[in-house]
């Protein structure tokens, strides 16, 4: 019996490790003030992150983890970890010039994710114009507001993401990714309690094909198949009246 219990425990531990994500400490110099900060950097993860429930909001780890926003302890400059050091040229000068006037509430890296996102939003607003970026930013922000039990703010940002995605659907330049955008609109409608409208978008999305002219055929097929799977799963959740996704946050 003890051997059997030990075996079950070993299997549980190995499965937990197999589906885990890890971080490790890293020292990062702030591009704005030069201060050295202790942050966390992605260590390891696997493709299993694309099967986690956040896929129904079309966001994925590490966006779901508070570690992914870096905030300088000295000057309060805040950005996604992959953007933090990339800033340069005119954009760097722009942020340096306007940072104090933004009156950021963030104090350091250990602050709440919602606070860090609010500060990062003000900074990105200085220079970021890309619709894709903002659509994702507001989905991530909505997710973290919901996780922090702030439903009104979560709804506000999810509706912002929805409006951006709907505007993108009207533009020819995004025609190749209509299926992806319809997953986003149906997702945001579901999370803002517009189930009937969400089903309509899902049904339309299932008639589309993701086909990026700049991508390889196998990559397009892989993403198209994935979008089909998530759309179908979300449709089933809505039709079955399953509230788990909305009530778990």
Foldseek 3Di string as FASTA:
>chain_A
DVVVVVVVVVVVVVVPVQADWDWDWDWDAFPQPRDIDIAIDTDDHDPCQCVDPCVLLPDTPPLLPLRQWFAAQPLRAIDGPVCRPVDDDPLSVQCNVCSVVVVQPDRGSPDQSLSRLVSNVVSCVSPPDDLVVLLVSLSSNLSSCVVVVNNVSSLVSLVVSLVSLVVLCVDPVCVLPLLVSLSNNLSSCVLNVNNVVSLVSLVVSLVHFRDDPVDDPVVSVVVRVSSNVSSVVVNVCSVVVPCCVNVVD
